[in-house]
Amino acid sequence: MIRLLVIGTVVALLAAGVQSWRVTRLSEQLTAAQSQLGAYAEAAAIRARQDAEQARLRDAAAALDEDLSHMEGGDAPLDAYLSDAARKLWP
């Protein structure tokens, strides 16, 4: 009877040890996943800021082009120097 009790206790302790190891491993995996999720969220926020800045710059460039095209002399031909510079800036 005592032998069965000892064997049962050892089996229960082994099972508790295995379960504790599994819980610890899963906890570590959860922590790593949460860290990775935080990094993804930060990357998405950075990308959103960059996209907004690009849209702002694109809108400002379009507004500048529109202003230049409606200014006095906007339809006049450019000299060679300015023409070359314009082709480099606006391919």
PDB file of N, CA and C in Angstrom:
ATOM      1  N   MET A   1       0.811  -1.185   0.000  1.00  0.00           N
ATOM      2  CA  MET A   1       0.000   0.000   0.000  1.00  0.00           C
ATOM      3  C   MET A   1       0.865   1.263   0.000  1.00  0.00           C
ATOM      4  N   ILE A   2       1.894   1.250   0.838  1.00  0.00           N
ATOM      5  CA  ILE A   2       2.790   2.403   0.895  1.00  0.00           C
ATOM      6  C   ILE A   2       3.544   2.536  -0.429  1.00  0.00           C
ATOM      7  N   ARG A   3       3.905   1.398  -1.019  1.00  0.00           N
ATOM      8  CA  ARG A   3       4.616   1.416  -2.291  1.00  0.00           C
ATOM      9  C   ARG A   3       3.746   2.093  -3.370  1.00  0.00           C
ATOM     10  N   LEU A   4       2.464   1.783  -3.415  1.00  0.00           N
ATOM     11  CA  LEU A   4       1.553   2.400  -4.373  1.00  0.00           C
ATOM     12  C   LEU A   4       1.422   3.894  -4.110  1.00  0.00           C
ATOM     13  N   LEU A   5       1.387   4.272  -2.854  1.00  0.00           N
ATOM     14  CA  LEU A   5       1.301   5.686  -2.496  1.00  0.00           C
ATOM     15  C   LEU A   5       2.558   6.437  -2.939  1.00  0.00           C
ATOM     16  N   VAL A   6       3.718   5.838  -2.751  1.00  0.00           N
ATOM     17  CA  VAL A   6       4.979   6.459  -3.165  1.00  0.00           C
ATOM     18  C   VAL A   6       5.016   6.574  -4.691  1.00  0.00           C
ATOM     19  N   ILE A   7       4.636   5.502  -5.383  1.00  0.00           N
ATOM     20  CA  ILE A   7       4.623   5.516  -6.845  1.00  0.00           C
ATOM     21  C   ILE A   7       3.630   6.571  -7.346  1.00  0.00           C
ATOM     22  N   GLY A   8       2.480   6.649  -6.750  1.00  0.00           N
ATOM     23  CA  GLY A   8       1.481   7.647  -7.127  1.00  0.00           C
ATOM     24  C   GLY A   8       1.991   9.061  -6.900  1.00  0.00           C
ATOM     25  N   THR A   9       2.681   9.269  -5.789  1.00  0.00           N
ATOM     26  CA  THR A   9       3.230  10.587  -5.476  1.00  0.00           C
ATOM     27  C   THR A   9       4.311  10.976  -6.488  1.00  0.00           C
ATOM     28  N   VAL A  10       5.172  10.030  -6.833  1.00  0.00           N
ATOM     29  CA  VAL A  10       6.236  10.298  -7.810  1.00  0.00           C
ATOM     30  C   VAL A  10       5.634  10.628  -9.177  1.00  0.00           C
ATOM     31  N   VAL A  11       4.624   9.853  -9.580  1.00  0.00           N
ATOM     32  CA  VAL A  11       3.969  10.112 -10.860  1.00  0.00           C
ATOM     33  C   VAL A  11       3.294  11.491 -10.849  1.00  0.00           C
ATOM     34  N   ALA A  12       2.650  11.824  -9.751  1.00  0.00           N
ATOM     35  CA  ALA A  12       1.993  13.125  -9.640  1.00  0.00           C
ATOM     36  C   ALA A  12       3.009  14.254  -9.682  1.00  0.00           C
ATOM     37  N   LEU A  13       4.150  14.077  -9.004  1.00  0.00           N
ATOM     38  CA  LEU A  13       5.193  15.097  -9.032  1.00  0.00           C
ATOM     39  C   LEU A  13       5.786  15.250 -10.425  1.00  0.00           C
ATOM     40  N   LEU A  14       5.995  14.144 -11.114  1.00  0.00           N
ATOM     41  CA  LEU A  14       6.499  14.203 -12.486  1.00  0.00           C
ATOM     42  C   LEU A  14       5.500  14.924 -13.401  1.00  0.00           C
ATOM     43  N   ALA A  15       4.247  14.587 -13.255  1.00  0.00           N
ATOM     44  CA  ALA A  15       3.217  15.236 -14.069  1.00  0.00           C
ATOM     45  C   ALA A  15       3.168  16.732 -13.763  1.00  0.00           C
ATOM     46  N   ALA A  16       3.276  17.104 -12.489  1.00  0.00           N
ATOM     47  CA  ALA A  16       3.275  18.519 -12.113  1.00  0.00           C
ATOM     48  C   ALA A  16       4.512  19.219 -12.677  1.00  0.00           C
ATOM     49  N   GLY A  17       5.656  18.558 -12.671  1.00  0.00           N
ATOM     50  CA  GLY A  17       6.879  19.140 -13.230  1.00  0.00           C
ATOM     51  C   GLY A  17       6.760  19.364 -14.728  1.00  0.00           C
ATOM     52  N   VAL A  18       6.208  18.372 -15.430  1.00  0.00           N
ATOM     53  CA  VAL A  18       6.021  18.510 -16.875  1.00  0.00           C
ATOM     54  C   VAL A  18       5.041  19.634 -17.173  1.00  0.00           C
ATOM     55  N   GLN A  19       3.973  19.689 -16.424  1.00  0.00           N
ATOM     56  CA  GLN A  19       2.978  20.745 -16.634  1.00  0.00           C
ATOM     57  C   GLN A  19       3.574  22.113 -16.348  1.00  0.00           C
ATOM     58  N   SER A  20       4.382  22.212 -15.297  1.00  0.00           N
ATOM     59  CA  SER A  20       5.031  23.481 -14.967  1.00  0.00           C
ATOM     60  C   SER A  20       5.981  23.897 -16.094  1.00  0.00           C
ATOM     61  N   TRP A  21       6.716  22.957 -16.653  1.00  0.00           N
ATOM     62  CA  TRP A  21       7.621  23.246 -17.766  1.00  0.00           C
ATOM     63  C   TRP A  21       6.838  23.731 -18.985  1.00  0.00           C
ATOM     64  N   ARG A  22       5.713  23.078 -19.273  1.00  0.00           N
ATOM     65  CA  ARG A  22       4.890  23.476 -20.416  1.00  0.00           C
ATOM     66  C   ARG A  22       4.323  24.881 -20.227  1.00  0.00           C
ATOM     67  N   VAL A  23       3.865  25.187 -19.016  1.00  0.00           N
ATOM     68  CA  VAL A  23       3.313  26.514 -18.740  1.00  0.00           C
ATOM     69  C   VAL A  23       4.399  27.577 -18.881  1.00  0.00           C
ATOM     70  N   THR A  24       5.593  27.285 -18.383  1.00  0.00           N
ATOM     71  CA  THR A  24       6.706  28.222 -18.500  1.00  0.00           C
ATOM     72  C   THR A  24       7.058  28.455 -19.964  1.00  0.00           C
ATOM     73  N   ARG A  25       7.118  27.394 -20.745  1.00  0.00           N
ATOM     74  CA  ARG A  25       7.449  27.502 -22.170  1.00  0.00           C
ATOM     75  C   ARG A  25       6.378  28.308 -22.911  1.00  0.00           C
ATOM     76  N   LEU A  26       5.121  28.035 -22.627  1.00  0.00           N
ATOM     77  CA  LEU A  26       4.040  28.776 -23.269  1.00  0.00           C
ATOM     78  C   LEU A  26       4.052  30.249 -22.862  1.00  0.00           C
ATOM     79  N   SER A  27       4.401  30.522 -21.620  1.00  0.00           N
ATOM     80  CA  SER A  27       4.495  31.894 -21.140  1.00  0.00           C
ATOM     81  C   SER A  27       5.608  32.640 -21.872  1.00  0.00           C
ATOM     82  N   GLU A  28       6.734  31.968 -22.087  1.00  0.00           N
ATOM     83  CA  GLU A  28       7.837  32.582 -22.824  1.00  0.00           C
ATOM     84  C   GLU A  28       7.429  32.847 -24.275  1.00  0.00           C
ATOM     85  N   GLN A  29       6.709  31.919 -24.882  1.00  0.00           N
ATOM     86  CA  GLN A  29       6.239  32.105 -26.253  1.00  0.00           C
ATOM     87  C   GLN A  29       5.249  33.273 -26.331  1.00  0.00           C
ATOM     88  N   LEU A  30       4.387  33.391 -25.334  1.00  0.00           N
ATOM     89  CA  LEU A  30       3.434  34.500 -25.301  1.00  0.00           C
ATOM     90  C   LEU A  30       4.159  35.836 -25.182  1.00  0.00           C
ATOM     91  N   THR A  31       5.165  35.897 -24.330  1.00  0.00           N
ATOM     92  CA  THR A  31       5.940  37.124 -24.170  1.00  0.00           C
ATOM     93  C   THR A  31       6.632  37.500 -25.478  1.00  0.00           C
ATOM     94  N   ALA A  32       7.203  36.511 -26.163  1.00  0.00           N
ATOM     95  CA  ALA A  32       7.868  36.778 -27.443  1.00  0.00           C
ATOM     96  C   ALA A  32       6.860  37.254 -28.482  1.00  0.00           C
ATOM     97  N   ALA A  33       5.698  36.649 -28.517  1.00  0.00           N
ATOM     98  CA  ALA A  33       4.667  37.046 -29.480  1.00  0.00           C
ATOM     99  C   ALA A  33       4.175  38.464 -29.194  1.00  0.00           C
ATOM    100  N   GLN A  34       4.012  38.806 -27.927  1.00  0.00           N
ATOM    101  CA  GLN A  34       3.583  40.155 -27.574  1.00  0.00           C
ATOM    102  C   GLN A  34       4.640  41.186 -27.966  1.00  0.00           C
ATOM    103  N   SER A  35       5.897  40.838 -27.778  1.00  0.00           N
ATOM    104  CA  SER A  35       6.982  41.728 -28.169  1.00  0.00           C
ATOM    105  C   SER A  35       6.995  41.938 -29.681  1.00  0.00           C
ATOM    106  N   GLN A  36       6.806  40.860 -30.417  1.00  0.00           N
ATOM    107  CA  GLN A  36       6.773  40.948 -31.876  1.00  0.00           C
ATOM    108  C   GLN A  36       5.565  41.768 -32.342  1.00  0.00           C
ATOM    109  N   LEU A  37       4.442  41.589 -31.690  1.00  0.00           N
ATOM    110  CA  LEU A  37       3.249  42.362 -32.027  1.00  0.00           C
ATOM    111  C   LEU A  37       3.477  43.854 -31.788  1.00  0.00           C
ATOM    112  N   GLY A  38       4.143  44.186 -30.700  1.00  0.00           N
ATOM    113  CA  GLY A  38       4.480  45.583 -30.430  1.00  0.00           C
ATOM    114  C   GLY A  38       5.393  46.166 -31.502  1.00  0.00           C
ATOM    115  N   ALA A  39       6.351  45.361 -31.961  1.00  0.00           N
ATOM    116  CA  ALA A  39       7.243  45.821 -33.027  1.00  0.00           C
ATOM    117  C   ALA A  39       6.474  46.041 -34.323  1.00  0.00           C
ATOM    118  N   TYR A  40       5.532  45.142 -34.629  1.00  0.00           N
ATOM    119  CA  TYR A  40       4.716  45.310 -35.832  1.00  0.00           C
ATOM    120  C   TYR A  40       3.853  46.569 -35.740  1.00  0.00           C
ATOM    121  N   ALA A  41       3.301  46.832 -34.569  1.00  0.00           N
ATOM    122  CA  ALA A  41       2.476  48.029 -34.385  1.00  0.00           C
ATOM    123  C   ALA A  41       3.319  49.292 -34.556  1.00  0.00           C
ATOM    124  N   GLU A  42       4.533  49.281 -34.023  1.00  0.00           N
ATOM    125  CA  GLU A  42       5.417  50.432 -34.182  1.00  0.00           C
ATOM    126  C   GLU A  42       5.797  50.630 -35.651  1.00  0.00           C
ATOM    127  N   ALA A  43       6.084  49.541 -36.349  1.00  0.00           N
ATOM    128  CA  ALA A  43       6.419  49.636 -37.771  1.00  0.00           C
ATOM    129  C   ALA A  43       5.234  50.173 -38.573  1.00  0.00           C
ATOM    130  N   ALA A  44       4.039  49.749 -38.234  1.00  0.00           N
ATOM    131  CA  ALA A  44       2.850  50.242 -38.933  1.00  0.00           C
ATOM    132  C   ALA A  44       2.652  51.733 -38.678  1.00  0.00           C
ATOM    133  N   ALA A  45       2.912  52.184 -37.458  1.00  0.00           N
ATOM    134  CA  ALA A  45       2.774  53.610 -37.145  1.00  0.00           C
ATOM    135  C   ALA A  45       3.812  54.429 -37.911  1.00  0.00           C
ATOM    136  N   ILE A  46       5.040  53.919 -37.987  1.00  0.00           N
ATOM    137  CA  ILE A  46       6.081  54.617 -38.741  1.00  0.00           C
ATOM    138  C   ILE A  46       5.701  54.693 -40.211  1.00  0.00           C
ATOM    139  N   ARG A  47       5.204  53.578 -40.753  1.00  0.00           N
ATOM    140  CA  ARG A  47       4.809  53.557 -42.164  1.00  0.00           C
ATOM    141  C   ARG A  47       3.661  54.537 -42.418  1.00  0.00           C
ATOM    142  N   ALA A  48       2.707  54.611 -41.503  1.00  0.00           N
ATOM    143  CA  ALA A  48       1.586  55.537 -41.672  1.00  0.00           C
ATOM    144  C   ALA A  48       2.075  56.985 -41.680  1.00  0.00           C
ATOM    145  N   ARG A  49       3.026  57.313 -40.795  1.00  0.00           N
ATOM    146  CA  ARG A  49       3.585  58.669 -40.777  1.00  0.00           C
ATOM    147  C   ARG A  49       4.329  58.969 -42.074  1.00  0.00           C
ATOM    148  N   GLN A  50       5.082  57.994 -42.559  1.00  0.00           N
ATOM    149  CA  GLN A  50       5.803  58.200 -43.822  1.00  0.00           C
ATOM    150  C   GLN A  50       4.835  58.372 -44.993  1.00  0.00           C
ATOM    151  N   ASP A  51       3.787  57.572 -45.020  1.00  0.00           N
ATOM    152  CA  ASP A  51       2.797  57.705 -46.088  1.00  0.00           C
ATOM    153  C   ASP A  51       2.115  59.073 -46.046  1.00  0.00           C
ATOM    154  N   ALA A  52       1.797  59.543 -44.845  1.00  0.00           N
ATOM    155  CA  ALA A  52       1.168  60.855 -44.709  1.00  0.00           C
ATOM    156  C   ALA A  52       2.120  61.955 -45.165  1.00  0.00           C
ATOM    157  N   GLU A  53       3.395  61.837 -44.812  1.00  0.00           N
ATOM    158  CA  GLU A  53       4.388  62.831 -45.235  1.00  0.00           C
ATOM    159  C   GLU A  53       4.557  62.811 -46.754  1.00  0.00           C
ATOM    160  N   GLN A  54       4.586  61.640 -47.349  1.00  0.00           N
ATOM    161  CA  GLN A  54       4.694  61.539 -48.810  1.00  0.00           C
ATOM    162  C   GLN A  54       3.471  62.159 -49.493  1.00  0.00           C
ATOM    163  N   ALA A  55       2.302  61.919 -48.956  1.00  0.00           N
ATOM    164  CA  ALA A  55       1.084  62.512 -49.522  1.00  0.00           C
ATOM    165  C   ALA A  55       1.125  64.030 -49.415  1.00  0.00           C
ATOM    166  N   ARG A  56       1.606  64.533 -48.274  1.00  0.00           N
ATOM    167  CA  ARG A  56       1.716  65.982 -48.093  1.00  0.00           C
ATOM    168  C   ARG A  56       2.698  66.574 -49.103  1.00  0.00           C
ATOM    169  N   LEU A  57       3.850  65.926 -49.280  1.00  0.00           N
ATOM    170  CA  LEU A  57       4.834  66.417 -50.244  1.00  0.00           C
ATOM    171  C   LEU A  57       4.307  66.350 -51.674  1.00  0.00           C
ATOM    172  N   ARG A  58       3.599  65.286 -51.993  1.00  0.00           N
ATOM    173  CA  ARG A  58       3.021  65.140 -53.332  1.00  0.00           C
ATOM    174  C   ARG A  58       1.999  66.246 -53.593  1.00  0.00           C
ATOM    175  N   ASP A  59       1.152  66.526 -52.598  1.00  0.00           N
ATOM    176  CA  ASP A  59       0.157  67.598 -52.743  1.00  0.00           C
ATOM    177  C   ASP A  59       0.823  68.964 -52.878  1.00  0.00           C
ATOM    178  N   ALA A  60       1.886  69.189 -52.096  1.00  0.00           N
ATOM    179  CA  ALA A  60       2.596  70.474 -52.182  1.00  0.00           C
ATOM    180  C   ALA A  60       3.255  70.623 -53.552  1.00  0.00           C
ATOM    181  N   ALA A  61       3.832  69.555 -54.073  1.00  0.00           N
ATOM    182  CA  ALA A  61       4.466  69.620 -55.394  1.00  0.00           C
ATOM    183  C   ALA A  61       3.424  69.863 -56.478  1.00  0.00           C
ATOM    184  N   ALA A  62       2.276  69.234 -56.365  1.00  0.00           N
ATOM    185  CA  ALA A  62       1.212  69.439 -57.350  1.00  0.00           C
ATOM    186  C   ALA A  62       0.705  70.885 -57.287  1.00  0.00           C
ATOM    187  N   ALA A  63       0.583  71.425 -56.086  1.00  0.00           N
ATOM    188  CA  ALA A  63       0.137  72.815 -55.938  1.00  0.00           C
ATOM    189  C   ALA A  63       1.175  73.772 -56.523  1.00  0.00           C
ATOM    190  N   LEU A  64       2.452  73.501 -56.303  1.00  0.00           N
ATOM    191  CA  LEU A  64       3.504  74.335 -56.864  1.00  0.00           C
ATOM    192  C   LEU A  64       3.484  74.269 -58.390  1.00  0.00           C
ATOM    193  N   ASP A  65       3.339  73.080 -58.945  1.00  0.00           N
ATOM    194  CA  ASP A  65       3.248  72.941 -60.393  1.00  0.00           C
ATOM    195  C   ASP A  65       2.052  73.730 -60.941  1.00  0.00           C
ATOM    196  N   GLU A  66       0.945  73.640 -60.250  1.00  0.00           N
ATOM    197  CA  GLU A  66      -0.259  74.358 -60.685  1.00  0.00           C
ATOM    198  C   GLU A  66      -0.033  75.864 -60.635  1.00  0.00           C
ATOM    199  N   ASP A  67       0.592  76.353 -59.547  1.00  0.00           N
ATOM    200  CA  ASP A  67       0.880  77.790 -59.433  1.00  0.00           C
ATOM    201  C   ASP A  67       1.819  78.253 -60.535  1.00  0.00           C
ATOM    202  N   LEU A  68       2.871  77.486 -60.778  1.00  0.00           N
ATOM    203  CA  LEU A  68       3.842  77.875 -61.798  1.00  0.00           C
ATOM    204  C   LEU A  68       3.219  77.888 -63.189  1.00  0.00           C
ATOM    205  N   SER A  69       2.305  76.961 -63.440  1.00  0.00           N
ATOM    206  CA  SER A  69       1.705  76.913 -64.770  1.00  0.00           C
ATOM    207  C   SER A  69       0.734  78.075 -65.008  1.00  0.00           C
ATOM    208  N   HIS A  70       0.226  78.686 -63.942  1.00  0.00           N
ATOM    209  CA  HIS A  70      -0.722  79.797 -64.107  1.00  0.00           C
ATOM    210  C   HIS A  70      -0.076  81.174 -63.923  1.00  0.00           C
ATOM    211  N   MET A  71       1.207  81.202 -63.616  1.00  0.00           N
ATOM    212  CA  MET A  71       1.891  82.489 -63.434  1.00  0.00           C
ATOM    213  C   MET A  71       2.118  83.154 -64.790  1.00  0.00           C
ATOM    214  N   GLU A  72       2.319  84.457 -64.746  1.00  0.00           N
ATOM    215  CA  GLU A  72       2.606  85.184 -65.980  1.00  0.00           C
ATOM    216  C   GLU A  72       3.905  84.650 -66.572  1.00  0.00           C
ATOM    217  N   GLY A  73       3.879  84.331 -67.824  1.00  0.00           N
ATOM    218  CA  GLY A  73       5.041  83.776 -68.494  1.00  0.00           C
ATOM    219  C   GLY A  73       5.155  82.277 -68.324  1.00  0.00           C
ATOM    220  N   GLY A  74       4.152  81.670 -67.727  1.00  0.00           N
ATOM    221  CA  GLY A  74       4.192  80.224 -67.505  1.00  0.00           C
ATOM    222  C   GLY A  74       4.157  79.422 -68.784  1.00  0.00           C
ATOM    223  N   ASP A  75       3.663  80.020 -69.857  1.00  0.00           N
ATOM    224  CA  ASP A  75       3.610  79.305 -71.124  1.00  0.00           C
ATOM    225  C   ASP A  75       4.750  79.700 -72.063  1.00  0.00           C
ATOM    226  N   ALA A  76       5.649  80.566 -71.591  1.00  0.00           N
ATOM    227  CA  ALA A  76       6.780  80.997 -72.411  1.00  0.00           C
ATOM    228  C   ALA A  76       7.843  79.900 -72.432  1.00  0.00           C
ATOM    229  N   PRO A  77       8.559  79.764 -73.534  1.00  0.00           N
ATOM    230  CA  PRO A  77       9.615  78.754 -73.593  1.00  0.00           C
ATOM    231  C   PRO A  77      10.775  79.130 -72.674  1.00  0.00           C
ATOM    232  N   LEU A  78      11.421  78.115 -72.128  1.00  0.00           N
ATOM    233  CA  LEU A  78      12.566  78.340 -71.244  1.00  0.00           C
ATOM    234  C   LEU A  78      13.843  78.404 -72.071  1.00  0.00           C
ATOM    235  N   ASP A  79      14.856  79.122 -71.529  1.00  0.00           N
ATOM    236  CA  ASP A  79      16.138  79.084 -72.208  1.00  0.00           C
ATOM    237  C   ASP A  79      16.768  77.698 -71.983  1.00  0.00           C
ATOM    238  N   ALA A  80      17.867  77.405 -72.634  1.00  0.00           N
ATOM    239  CA  ALA A  80      18.461  76.063 -72.615  1.00  0.00           C
ATOM    240  C   ALA A  80      18.853  75.635 -71.198  1.00  0.00           C
ATOM    241  N   TYR A  81      19.418  76.557 -70.437  1.00  0.00           N
ATOM    242  CA  TYR A  81      19.859  76.227 -69.074  1.00  0.00           C
ATOM    243  C   TYR A  81      18.680  75.826 -68.193  1.00  0.00           C
ATOM    244  N   LEU A  82      17.648  76.640 -68.181  1.00  0.00           N
ATOM    245  CA  LEU A  82      16.470  76.343 -67.365  1.00  0.00           C
ATOM    246  C   LEU A  82      15.731  75.121 -67.887  1.00  0.00           C
ATOM    247  N   SER A  83      15.716  74.935 -69.184  1.00  0.00           N
ATOM    248  CA  SER A  83      15.058  73.778 -69.779  1.00  0.00           C
ATOM    249  C   SER A  83      15.743  72.486 -69.323  1.00  0.00           C
ATOM    250  N   ASP A  84      17.079  72.472 -69.348  1.00  0.00           N
ATOM    251  CA  ASP A  84      17.827  71.286 -68.880  1.00  0.00           C
ATOM    252  C   ASP A  84      17.568  71.030 -67.395  1.00  0.00           C
ATOM    253  N   ALA A  85      17.570  72.097 -66.604  1.00  0.00           N
ATOM    254  CA  ALA A  85      17.318  71.959 -65.166  1.00  0.00           C
ATOM    255  C   ALA A  85      15.906  71.429 -64.913  1.00  0.00           C
ATOM    256  N   ALA A  86      14.940  71.937 -65.656  1.00  0.00           N
ATOM    257  CA  ALA A  86      13.558  71.489 -65.478  1.00  0.00           C
ATOM    258  C   ALA A  86      13.417  70.024 -65.839  1.00  0.00           C
ATOM    259  N   ARG A  87      14.095  69.579 -66.912  1.00  0.00           N
ATOM    260  CA  ARG A  87      14.010  68.162 -67.289  1.00  0.00           C
ATOM    261  C   ARG A  87      14.627  67.261 -66.222  1.00  0.00           C
ATOM    262  N   LYS A  88      15.656  67.748 -65.526  1.00  0.00           N
ATOM    263  CA  LYS A  88      16.269  66.963 -64.455  1.00  0.00           C
ATOM    264  C   LYS A  88      15.345  66.880 -63.231  1.00  0.00           C
ATOM    265  N   LEU A  89      14.654  67.982 -62.966  1.00  0.00           N
ATOM    266  CA  LEU A  89      13.754  67.996 -61.805  1.00  0.00           C
ATOM    267  C   LEU A  89      12.438  67.282 -62.072  1.00  0.00           C
ATOM    268  N   TRP A  90      11.918  67.461 -63.271  1.00  0.00           N
ATOM    269  CA  TRP A  90      10.625  66.858 -63.619  1.00  0.00           C
ATOM    270  C   TRP A  90      10.794  65.995 -64.881  1.00  0.00           C
ATOM    271  N   PRO A  91      11.298  64.781 -64.716  1.00  0.00           N
ATOM    272  CA  PRO A  91      11.579  63.927 -65.874  1.00  0.00           C
ATOM    273  C   PRO A  91      10.327  63.549 -66.653  1.00  0.00           C
TER     274      PRO A  91
END
